[in-house]
Amino acid sequence: MSRSHIVVHGRVQGVGFRATTKQIAEQLELKGWVKNKSDGSVEIEAEGDPASLKEFVDQLNEGPTPFAKVQAIDIEDFDSEEGYEKFKVKE
């Protein structure tokens, strides 16, 4: 299992990005959280199978909603897990 800290930049707030991110994470059996940042980006912490994490980032990069426009994704990978029980949207 692996863990990634992800920051997505672009038009990613107010377009259903967090809810769709949660749906994708649950489909891929990833655990963690997603939240809006004050600078307009979205921050994600996800853990699970490395192949699932890669697929997750690929889907985020495509813009998971029709109104989202992803400009850049920053990723930091970790070997350790936090032990999240589910994937949730943080306020």
PDB file of N, CA and C in Angstrom:
ATOM      1  N   MET A   1       0.841  -1.185   0.000  1.00  0.00           N
ATOM      2  CA  MET A   1       0.000   0.000   0.000  1.00  0.00           C
ATOM      3  C   MET A   1       0.879   1.238   0.000  1.00  0.00           C
ATOM      4  N   SER A   2       0.387   2.267  -0.643  1.00  0.00           N
ATOM      5  CA  SER A   2       1.100   3.531  -0.747  1.00  0.00           C
ATOM      6  C   SER A   2       0.166   4.673  -0.380  1.00  0.00           C
ATOM      7  N   ARG A   3       0.765   5.838  -0.173  1.00  0.00           N
ATOM      8  CA  ARG A   3      -0.005   7.041   0.150  1.00  0.00           C
ATOM      9  C   ARG A   3       0.516   8.193  -0.683  1.00  0.00           C
ATOM     10  N   SER A   4      -0.390   9.022  -1.175  1.00  0.00           N
ATOM     11  CA  SER A   4      -0.011  10.193  -1.954  1.00  0.00           C
ATOM     12  C   SER A   4      -0.703  11.432  -1.411  1.00  0.00           C
ATOM     13  N   HIS A   5       0.065  12.522  -1.338  1.00  0.00           N
ATOM     14  CA  HIS A   5      -0.491  13.836  -1.014  1.00  0.00           C
ATOM     15  C   HIS A   5      -0.538  14.587  -2.338  1.00  0.00           C
ATOM     16  N   ILE A   6      -1.724  15.037  -2.734  1.00  0.00           N
ATOM     17  CA  ILE A   6      -1.955  15.590  -4.069  1.00  0.00           C
ATOM     18  C   ILE A   6      -2.579  16.974  -3.936  1.00  0.00           C
ATOM     19  N   VAL A   7      -2.076  17.923  -4.713  1.00  0.00           N
ATOM     20  CA  VAL A   7      -2.702  19.244  -4.805  1.00  0.00           C
ATOM     21  C   VAL A   7      -3.027  19.487  -6.271  1.00  0.00           C
ATOM     22  N   VAL A   8      -4.315  19.757  -6.539  1.00  0.00           N
ATOM     23  CA  VAL A   8      -4.781  19.960  -7.905  1.00  0.00           C
ATOM     24  C   VAL A   8      -5.056  21.450  -8.105  1.00  0.00           C
ATOM     25  N   HIS A   9      -4.448  22.020  -9.154  1.00  0.00           N
ATOM     26  CA  HIS A   9      -4.596  23.444  -9.463  1.00  0.00           C
ATOM     27  C   HIS A   9      -5.444  23.613 -10.713  1.00  0.00           C
ATOM     28  N   GLY A  10      -6.163  24.722 -10.792  1.00  0.00           N
ATOM     29  CA  GLY A  10      -6.988  25.027 -11.955  1.00  0.00           C
ATOM     30  C   GLY A  10      -8.382  25.434 -11.509  1.00  0.00           C
ATOM     31  N   ARG A  11      -9.360  25.244 -12.387  1.00  0.00           N
ATOM     32  CA  ARG A  11     -10.754  25.515 -12.017  1.00  0.00           C
ATOM     33  C   ARG A  11     -11.305  24.249 -11.397  1.00  0.00           C
ATOM     34  N   VAL A  12     -11.105  24.121 -10.094  1.00  0.00           N
ATOM     35  CA  VAL A  12     -11.446  22.870  -9.399  1.00  0.00           C
ATOM     36  C   VAL A  12     -12.321  23.092  -8.162  1.00  0.00           C
ATOM     37  N   GLN A  13     -12.759  24.331  -7.946  1.00  0.00           N
ATOM     38  CA  GLN A  13     -13.682  24.592  -6.842  1.00  0.00           C
ATOM     39  C   GLN A  13     -15.000  25.088  -7.412  1.00  0.00           C
ATOM     40  N   GLY A  14     -16.100  24.656  -6.807  1.00  0.00           N
ATOM     41  CA  GLY A  14     -17.423  25.072  -7.252  1.00  0.00           C
ATOM     42  C   GLY A  14     -17.900  24.354  -8.504  1.00  0.00           C
ATOM     43  N   VAL A  15     -17.262  23.234  -8.848  1.00  0.00           N
ATOM     44  CA  VAL A  15     -17.611  22.493 -10.066  1.00  0.00           C
ATOM     45  C   VAL A  15     -17.864  21.006  -9.781  1.00  0.00           C
ATOM     46  N   GLY A  16     -18.101  20.663  -8.525  1.00  0.00           N
ATOM     47  CA  GLY A  16     -18.361  19.267  -8.160  1.00  0.00           C
ATOM     48  C   GLY A  16     -17.115  18.409  -8.089  1.00  0.00           C
ATOM     49  N   PHE A  17     -15.948  19.043  -8.018  1.00  0.00           N
ATOM     50  CA  PHE A  17     -14.686  18.312  -8.058  1.00  0.00           C
ATOM     51  C   PHE A  17     -14.507  17.402  -6.850  1.00  0.00           C
ATOM     52  N   ARG A  18     -14.797  17.907  -5.655  1.00  0.00           N
ATOM     53  CA  ARG A  18     -14.579  17.088  -4.446  1.00  0.00           C
ATOM     54  C   ARG A  18     -15.487  15.867  -4.419  1.00  0.00           C
ATOM     55  N   ALA A  19     -16.770  16.060  -4.749  1.00  0.00           N
ATOM     56  CA  ALA A  19     -17.717  14.932  -4.732  1.00  0.00           C
ATOM     57  C   ALA A  19     -17.317  13.875  -5.760  1.00  0.00           C
ATOM     58  N   THR A  20     -16.907  14.321  -6.932  1.00  0.00           N
ATOM     59  CA  THR A  20     -16.502  13.373  -7.969  1.00  0.00           C
ATOM     60  C   THR A  20     -15.197  12.683  -7.586  1.00  0.00           C
ATOM     61  N   THR A  21     -14.298  13.418  -6.969  1.00  0.00           N
ATOM     62  CA  THR A  21     -13.042  12.835  -6.488  1.00  0.00           C
ATOM     63  C   THR A  21     -13.339  11.715  -5.492  1.00  0.00           C
ATOM     64  N   LYS A  22     -14.287  11.950  -4.595  1.00  0.00           N
ATOM     65  CA  LYS A  22     -14.677  10.932  -3.616  1.00  0.00           C
ATOM     66  C   LYS A  22     -15.230   9.696  -4.319  1.00  0.00           C
ATOM     67  N   GLN A  23     -16.081   9.891  -5.328  1.00  0.00           N
ATOM     68  CA  GLN A  23     -16.650   8.761  -6.062  1.00  0.00           C
ATOM     69  C   GLN A  23     -15.562   7.933  -6.736  1.00  0.00           C
ATOM     70  N   ILE A  24     -14.623   8.605  -7.380  1.00  0.00           N
ATOM     71  CA  ILE A  24     -13.529   7.901  -8.058  1.00  0.00           C
ATOM     72  C   ILE A  24     -12.698   7.121  -7.041  1.00  0.00           C
ATOM     73  N   ALA A  25     -12.370   7.764  -5.930  1.00  0.00           N
ATOM     74  CA  ALA A  25     -11.564   7.110  -4.889  1.00  0.00           C
ATOM     75  C   ALA A  25     -12.267   5.862  -4.370  1.00  0.00           C
ATOM     76  N   GLU A  26     -13.570   5.963  -4.142  1.00  0.00           N
ATOM     77  CA  GLU A  26     -14.320   4.811  -3.630  1.00  0.00           C
ATOM     78  C   GLU A  26     -14.365   3.682  -4.662  1.00  0.00           C
ATOM     79  N   GLN A  27     -14.513   4.022  -5.943  1.00  0.00           N
ATOM     80  CA  GLN A  27     -14.508   3.004  -6.992  1.00  0.00           C
ATOM     81  C   GLN A  27     -13.177   2.261  -7.037  1.00  0.00           C
ATOM     82  N   LEU A  28     -12.082   2.989  -6.769  1.00  0.00           N
ATOM     83  CA  LEU A  28     -10.740   2.410  -6.808  1.00  0.00           C
ATOM     84  C   LEU A  28     -10.309   1.847  -5.449  1.00  0.00           C
ATOM     85  N   GLU A  29     -11.236   1.870  -4.477  1.00  0.00           N
ATOM     86  CA  GLU A  29     -10.985   1.357  -3.123  1.00  0.00           C
ATOM     87  C   GLU A  29      -9.842   2.073  -2.428  1.00  0.00           C
ATOM     88  N   LEU A  30      -9.770   3.391  -2.625  1.00  0.00           N
ATOM     89  CA  LEU A  30      -8.775   4.216  -1.945  1.00  0.00           C
ATOM     90  C   LEU A  30      -9.400   4.829  -0.699  1.00  0.00           C
ATOM     91  N   LYS A  31      -8.575   5.120   0.271  1.00  0.00           N
ATOM     92  CA  LYS A  31      -9.002   5.756   1.519  1.00  0.00           C
ATOM     93  C   LYS A  31      -8.292   7.100   1.642  1.00  0.00           C
ATOM     94  N   GLY A  32      -8.901   8.033   2.395  1.00  0.00           N
ATOM     95  CA  GLY A  32      -8.262   9.329   2.612  1.00  0.00           C
ATOM     96  C   GLY A  32      -9.279  10.443   2.644  1.00  0.00           C
ATOM     97  N   TRP A  33      -8.914  11.611   2.084  1.00  0.00           N
ATOM     98  CA  TRP A  33      -9.795  12.773   2.134  1.00  0.00           C
ATOM     99  C   TRP A  33      -9.487  13.758   0.999  1.00  0.00           C
ATOM    100  N   VAL A  34     -10.430  14.673   0.777  1.00  0.00           N
ATOM    101  CA  VAL A  34     -10.281  15.748  -0.197  1.00  0.00           C
ATOM    102  C   VAL A  34     -10.865  17.012   0.429  1.00  0.00           C
ATOM    103  N   LYS A  35     -10.215  18.165   0.184  1.00  0.00           N
ATOM    104  CA  LYS A  35     -10.745  19.427   0.709  1.00  0.00           C
ATOM    105  C   LYS A  35     -10.289  20.590  -0.170  1.00  0.00           C
ATOM    106  N   ASN A  36     -11.087  21.665  -0.132  1.00  0.00           N
ATOM    107  CA  ASN A  36     -10.716  22.894  -0.822  1.00  0.00           C
ATOM    108  C   ASN A  36      -9.669  23.631  -0.013  1.00  0.00           C
ATOM    109  N   LYS A  37      -8.752  24.296  -0.717  1.00  0.00           N
ATOM    110  CA  LYS A  37      -7.765  25.152  -0.062  1.00  0.00           C
ATOM    111  C   LYS A  37      -8.133  26.610  -0.336  1.00  0.00           C
ATOM    112  N   SER A  38      -7.667  27.502   0.512  1.00  0.00           N
ATOM    113  CA  SER A  38      -8.018  28.918   0.386  1.00  0.00           C
ATOM    114  C   SER A  38      -7.459  29.562  -0.882  1.00  0.00           C
ATOM    115  N   ASP A  39      -6.448  28.958  -1.494  1.00  0.00           N
ATOM    116  CA  ASP A  39      -5.854  29.531  -2.706  1.00  0.00           C
ATOM    117  C   ASP A  39      -6.579  29.097  -3.986  1.00  0.00           C
ATOM    118  N   GLY A  40      -7.685  28.354  -3.856  1.00  0.00           N
ATOM    119  CA  GLY A  40      -8.460  27.925  -5.018  1.00  0.00           C
ATOM    120  C   GLY A  40      -8.110  26.531  -5.515  1.00  0.00           C
ATOM    121  N   SER A  41      -7.093  25.918  -4.929  1.00  0.00           N
ATOM    122  CA  SER A  41      -6.722  24.556  -5.326  1.00  0.00           C
ATOM    123  C   SER A  41      -7.485  23.554  -4.455  1.00  0.00           C
ATOM    124  N   VAL A  42      -7.341  22.275  -4.780  1.00  0.00           N
ATOM    125  CA  VAL A  42      -7.948  21.201  -3.995  1.00  0.00           C
ATOM    126  C   VAL A  42      -6.832  20.281  -3.508  1.00  0.00           C
ATOM    127  N   GLU A  43      -6.884  19.945  -2.222  1.00  0.00           N
ATOM    128  CA  GLU A  43      -5.869  19.099  -1.592  1.00  0.00           C
ATOM    129  C   GLU A  43      -6.468  17.723  -1.329  1.00  0.00           C
ATOM    130  N   ILE A  44      -5.674  16.695  -1.616  1.00  0.00           N
ATOM    131  CA  ILE A  44      -6.136  15.316  -1.466  1.00  0.00           C
ATOM    132  C   ILE A  44      -5.055  14.495  -0.774  1.00  0.00           C
ATOM    133  N   GLU A  45      -5.473  13.644   0.120  1.00  0.00           N
ATOM    134  CA  GLU A  45      -4.598  12.636   0.704  1.00  0.00           C
ATOM    135  C   GLU A  45      -5.262  11.297   0.417  1.00  0.00           C
ATOM    136  N   ALA A  46      -4.574  10.424  -0.298  1.00  0.00           N
ATOM    137  CA  ALA A  46      -5.160   9.137  -0.676  1.00  0.00           C
ATOM    138  C   ALA A  46      -4.157   8.032  -0.447  1.00  0.00           C
ATOM    139  N   GLU A  47      -4.662   6.882  -0.004  1.00  0.00           N
ATOM    140  CA  GLU A  47      -3.794   5.729   0.181  1.00  0.00           C
ATOM    141  C   GLU A  47      -4.492   4.476  -0.310  1.00  0.00           C
ATOM    142  N   GLY A  48      -3.664   3.540  -0.768  1.00  0.00           N
ATOM    143  CA  GLY A  48      -4.178   2.286  -1.286  1.00  0.00           C
ATOM    144  C   GLY A  48      -3.156   1.635  -2.193  1.00  0.00           C
ATOM    145  N   ASP A  49      -3.634   0.776  -3.068  1.00  0.00           N
ATOM    146  CA  ASP A  49      -2.788   0.063  -4.022  1.00  0.00           C
ATOM    147  C   ASP A  49      -2.104   1.066  -4.959  1.00  0.00           C
ATOM    148  N   PRO A  50      -0.792   0.919  -5.198  1.00  0.00           N
ATOM    149  CA  PRO A  50      -0.078   1.859  -6.075  1.00  0.00           C
ATOM    150  C   PRO A  50      -0.687   1.985  -7.476  1.00  0.00           C
ATOM    151  N   ALA A  51      -1.165   0.897  -8.049  1.00  0.00           N
ATOM    152  CA  ALA A  51      -1.786   0.960  -9.377  1.00  0.00           C
ATOM    153  C   ALA A  51      -3.093   1.761  -9.319  1.00  0.00           C
ATOM    154  N   SER A  52      -3.834   1.607  -8.238  1.00  0.00           N
ATOM    155  CA  SER A  52      -5.079   2.361  -8.069  1.00  0.00           C
ATOM    156  C   SER A  52      -4.790   3.844  -7.883  1.00  0.00           C
ATOM    157  N   LEU A  53      -3.729   4.156  -7.149  1.00  0.00           N
ATOM    158  CA  LEU A  53      -3.350   5.560  -6.971  1.00  0.00           C
ATOM    159  C   LEU A  53      -2.979   6.198  -8.307  1.00  0.00           C
ATOM    160  N   LYS A  54      -2.265   5.458  -9.152  1.00  0.00           N
ATOM    161  CA  LYS A  54      -1.893   5.982 -10.465  1.00  0.00           C
ATOM    162  C   LYS A  54      -3.137   6.234 -11.307  1.00  0.00           C
ATOM    163  N   GLU A  55      -4.067   5.281 -11.319  1.00  0.00           N
ATOM    164  CA  GLU A  55      -5.320   5.438 -12.055  1.00  0.00           C
ATOM    165  C   GLU A  55      -6.118   6.633 -11.529  1.00  0.00           C
ATOM    166  N   PHE A  56      -6.117   6.818 -10.219  1.00  0.00           N
ATOM    167  CA  PHE A  56      -6.796   7.935  -9.561  1.00  0.00           C
ATOM    168  C   PHE A  56      -6.257   9.264 -10.089  1.00  0.00           C
ATOM    169  N   VAL A  57      -4.924   9.405 -10.081  1.00  0.00           N
ATOM    170  CA  VAL A  57      -4.293  10.644 -10.559  1.00  0.00           C
ATOM    171  C   VAL A  57      -4.572  10.849 -12.050  1.00  0.00           C
ATOM    172  N   ASP A  58      -4.534   9.783 -12.825  1.00  0.00           N
ATOM    173  CA  ASP A  58      -4.842   9.887 -14.260  1.00  0.00           C
ATOM    174  C   ASP A  58      -6.259  10.422 -14.474  1.00  0.00           C
ATOM    175  N   GLN A  59      -7.218   9.907 -13.710  1.00  0.00           N
ATOM    176  CA  GLN A  59      -8.598  10.374 -13.852  1.00  0.00           C
ATOM    177  C   GLN A  59      -8.758  11.815 -13.383  1.00  0.00           C
ATOM    178  N   LEU A  60      -8.060  12.193 -12.321  1.00  0.00           N
ATOM    179  CA  LEU A  60      -8.113  13.585 -11.861  1.00  0.00           C
ATOM    180  C   LEU A  60      -7.539  14.518 -12.923  1.00  0.00           C
ATOM    181  N   ASN A  61      -6.455  14.100 -13.545  1.00  0.00           N
ATOM    182  CA  ASN A  61      -5.780  14.922 -14.548  1.00  0.00           C
ATOM    183  C   ASN A  61      -6.681  15.183 -15.761  1.00  0.00           C
ATOM    184  N   GLU A  62      -7.565  14.238 -16.066  1.00  0.00           N
ATOM    185  CA  GLU A  62      -8.488  14.404 -17.188  1.00  0.00           C
ATOM    186  C   GLU A  62      -9.602  15.392 -16.866  1.00  0.00           C
ATOM    187  N   GLY A  63      -9.732  15.785 -15.589  1.00  0.00           N
ATOM    188  CA  GLY A  63     -10.824  16.651 -15.185  1.00  0.00           C
ATOM    189  C   GLY A  63     -12.060  15.814 -14.971  1.00  0.00           C
ATOM    190  N   PRO A  64     -12.320  15.403 -13.732  1.00  0.00           N
ATOM    191  CA  PRO A  64     -13.377  14.428 -13.467  1.00  0.00           C
ATOM    192  C   PRO A  64     -14.798  14.950 -13.670  1.00  0.00           C
ATOM    193  N   THR A  65     -14.987  16.253 -13.818  1.00  0.00           N
ATOM    194  CA  THR A  65     -16.310  16.799 -14.117  1.00  0.00           C
ATOM    195  C   THR A  65     -16.198  17.650 -15.379  1.00  0.00           C
ATOM    196  N   PRO A  66     -17.300  17.833 -16.098  1.00  0.00           N
ATOM    197  CA  PRO A  66     -17.248  18.616 -17.342  1.00  0.00           C
ATOM    198  C   PRO A  66     -16.832  20.070 -17.129  1.00  0.00           C
ATOM    199  N   PHE A  67     -17.057  20.593 -15.915  1.00  0.00           N
ATOM    200  CA  PHE A  67     -16.775  22.005 -15.656  1.00  0.00           C
ATOM    201  C   PHE A  67     -15.388  22.251 -15.074  1.00  0.00           C
ATOM    202  N   ALA A  68     -14.721  21.203 -14.638  1.00  0.00           N
ATOM    203  CA  ALA A  68     -13.382  21.335 -14.056  1.00  0.00           C
ATOM    204  C   ALA A  68     -12.343  21.495 -15.160  1.00  0.00           C
ATOM    205  N   LYS A  69     -11.332  22.292 -14.860  1.00  0.00           N
ATOM    206  CA  LYS A  69     -10.207  22.437 -15.779  1.00  0.00           C
ATOM    207  C   LYS A  69      -8.925  22.327 -14.958  1.00  0.00           C
ATOM    208  N   VAL A  70      -8.296  21.165 -15.017  1.00  0.00           N
ATOM    209  CA  VAL A  70      -7.078  20.910 -14.258  1.00  0.00           C
ATOM    210  C   VAL A  70      -5.894  21.490 -15.012  1.00  0.00           C
ATOM    211  N   GLN A  71      -5.142  22.365 -14.334  1.00  0.00           N
ATOM    212  CA  GLN A  71      -3.962  22.977 -14.955  1.00  0.00           C
ATOM    213  C   GLN A  71      -2.673  22.286 -14.530  1.00  0.00           C
ATOM    214  N   ALA A  72      -2.626  21.816 -13.290  1.00  0.00           N
ATOM    215  CA  ALA A  72      -1.415  21.163 -12.787  1.00  0.00           C
ATOM    216  C   ALA A  72      -1.768  20.308 -11.579  1.00  0.00           C
ATOM    217  N   ILE A  73      -0.980  19.263 -11.372  1.00  0.00           N
ATOM    218  CA  ILE A  73      -1.137  18.396 -10.201  1.00  0.00           C
ATOM    219  C   ILE A  73       0.236  18.210  -9.561  1.00  0.00           C
ATOM    220  N   ASP A  74       0.317  18.537  -8.280  1.00  0.00           N
ATOM    221  CA  ASP A  74       1.538  18.298  -7.500  1.00  0.00           C
ATOM    222  C   ASP A  74       1.316  17.030  -6.684  1.00  0.00           C
ATOM    223  N   ILE A  75       2.279  16.115  -6.733  1.00  0.00           N
ATOM    224  CA  ILE A  75       2.137  14.838  -6.029  1.00  0.00           C
ATOM    225  C   ILE A  75       3.382  14.572  -5.191  1.00  0.00           C
ATOM    226  N   GLU A  76       3.148  14.186  -3.952  1.00  0.00           N
ATOM    227  CA  GLU A  76       4.226  13.722  -3.080  1.00  0.00           C
ATOM    228  C   GLU A  76       3.829  12.329  -2.610  1.00  0.00           C
ATOM    229  N   ASP A  77       4.674  11.340  -2.888  1.00  0.00           N
ATOM    230  CA  ASP A  77       4.380   9.959  -2.534  1.00  0.00           C
ATOM    231  C   ASP A  77       5.099   9.553  -1.252  1.00  0.00           C
ATOM    232  N   PHE A  78       4.440   8.684  -0.480  1.00  0.00           N
ATOM    233  CA  PHE A  78       4.981   8.192   0.778  1.00  0.00           C
ATOM    234  C   PHE A  78       4.870   6.668   0.808  1.00  0.00           C
ATOM    235  N   ASP A  79       5.783   6.020   1.502  1.00  0.00           N
ATOM    236  CA  ASP A  79       5.742   4.576   1.667  1.00  0.00           C
ATOM    237  C   ASP A  79       4.868   4.169   2.847  1.00  0.00           C
ATOM    238  N   SER A  80       4.651   5.086   3.772  1.00  0.00           N
ATOM    239  CA  SER A  80       3.874   4.774   4.966  1.00  0.00           C
ATOM    240  C   SER A  80       2.407   5.157   4.773  1.00  0.00           C
ATOM    241  N   GLU A  81       1.549   4.535   5.554  1.00  0.00           N
ATOM    242  CA  GLU A  81       0.115   4.813   5.508  1.00  0.00           C
ATOM    243  C   GLU A  81      -0.314   5.539   6.773  1.00  0.00           C
ATOM    244  N   GLU A  82      -1.427   6.259   6.665  1.00  0.00           N
ATOM    245  CA  GLU A  82      -2.028   6.899   7.829  1.00  0.00           C
ATOM    246  C   GLU A  82      -3.103   6.008   8.445  1.00  0.00           C
ATOM    247  N   GLY A  83      -3.582   5.023   7.690  1.00  0.00           N
ATOM    248  CA  GLY A  83      -4.597   4.113   8.204  1.00  0.00           C
ATOM    249  C   GLY A  83      -6.009   4.663   8.127  1.00  0.00           C
ATOM    250  N   TYR A  84      -6.331   5.440   7.102  1.00  0.00           N
ATOM    251  CA  TYR A  84      -7.676   5.963   6.930  1.00  0.00           C
ATOM    252  C   TYR A  84      -8.660   4.801   6.750  1.00  0.00           C
ATOM    253  N   GLU A  85      -9.876   4.988   7.265  1.00  0.00           N
ATOM    254  CA  GLU A  85     -10.888   3.934   7.191  1.00  0.00           C
ATOM    255  C   GLU A  85     -11.780   4.062   5.973  1.00  0.00           C
ATOM    256  N   LYS A  86     -11.910   5.281   5.430  1.00  0.00           N
ATOM    257  CA  LYS A  86     -12.750   5.520   4.259  1.00  0.00           C
ATOM    258  C   LYS A  86     -12.248   6.773   3.558  1.00  0.00           C
ATOM    259  N   PHE A  87     -12.916   7.154   2.472  1.00  0.00           N
ATOM    260  CA  PHE A  87     -12.564   8.385   1.779  1.00  0.00           C
ATOM    261  C   PHE A  87     -13.658   9.402   2.055  1.00  0.00           C
ATOM    262  N   LYS A  88     -13.280  10.593   2.520  1.00  0.00           N
ATOM    263  CA  LYS A  88     -14.306  11.580   2.876  1.00  0.00           C
ATOM    264  C   LYS A  88     -13.967  12.964   2.335  1.00  0.00           C
ATOM    265  N   VAL A  89     -15.007  13.779   2.232  1.00  0.00           N
ATOM    266  CA  VAL A  89     -14.866  15.175   1.841  1.00  0.00           C
ATOM    267  C   VAL A  89     -14.746  15.980   3.120  1.00  0.00           C
ATOM    268  N   LYS A  90     -13.660  16.737   3.253  1.00  0.00           N
ATOM    269  CA  LYS A  90     -13.477  17.611   4.406  1.00  0.00           C
ATOM    270  C   LYS A  90     -13.941  19.011   4.046  1.00  0.00           C
ATOM    271  N   GLU A  91     -14.521  19.692   5.013  1.00  0.00           N
ATOM    272  CA  GLU A  91     -14.961  21.079   4.777  1.00  0.00           C
ATOM    273  C   GLU A  91     -13.836  22.047   5.050  1.00  0.00           C
TER     274      GLU A  91
END
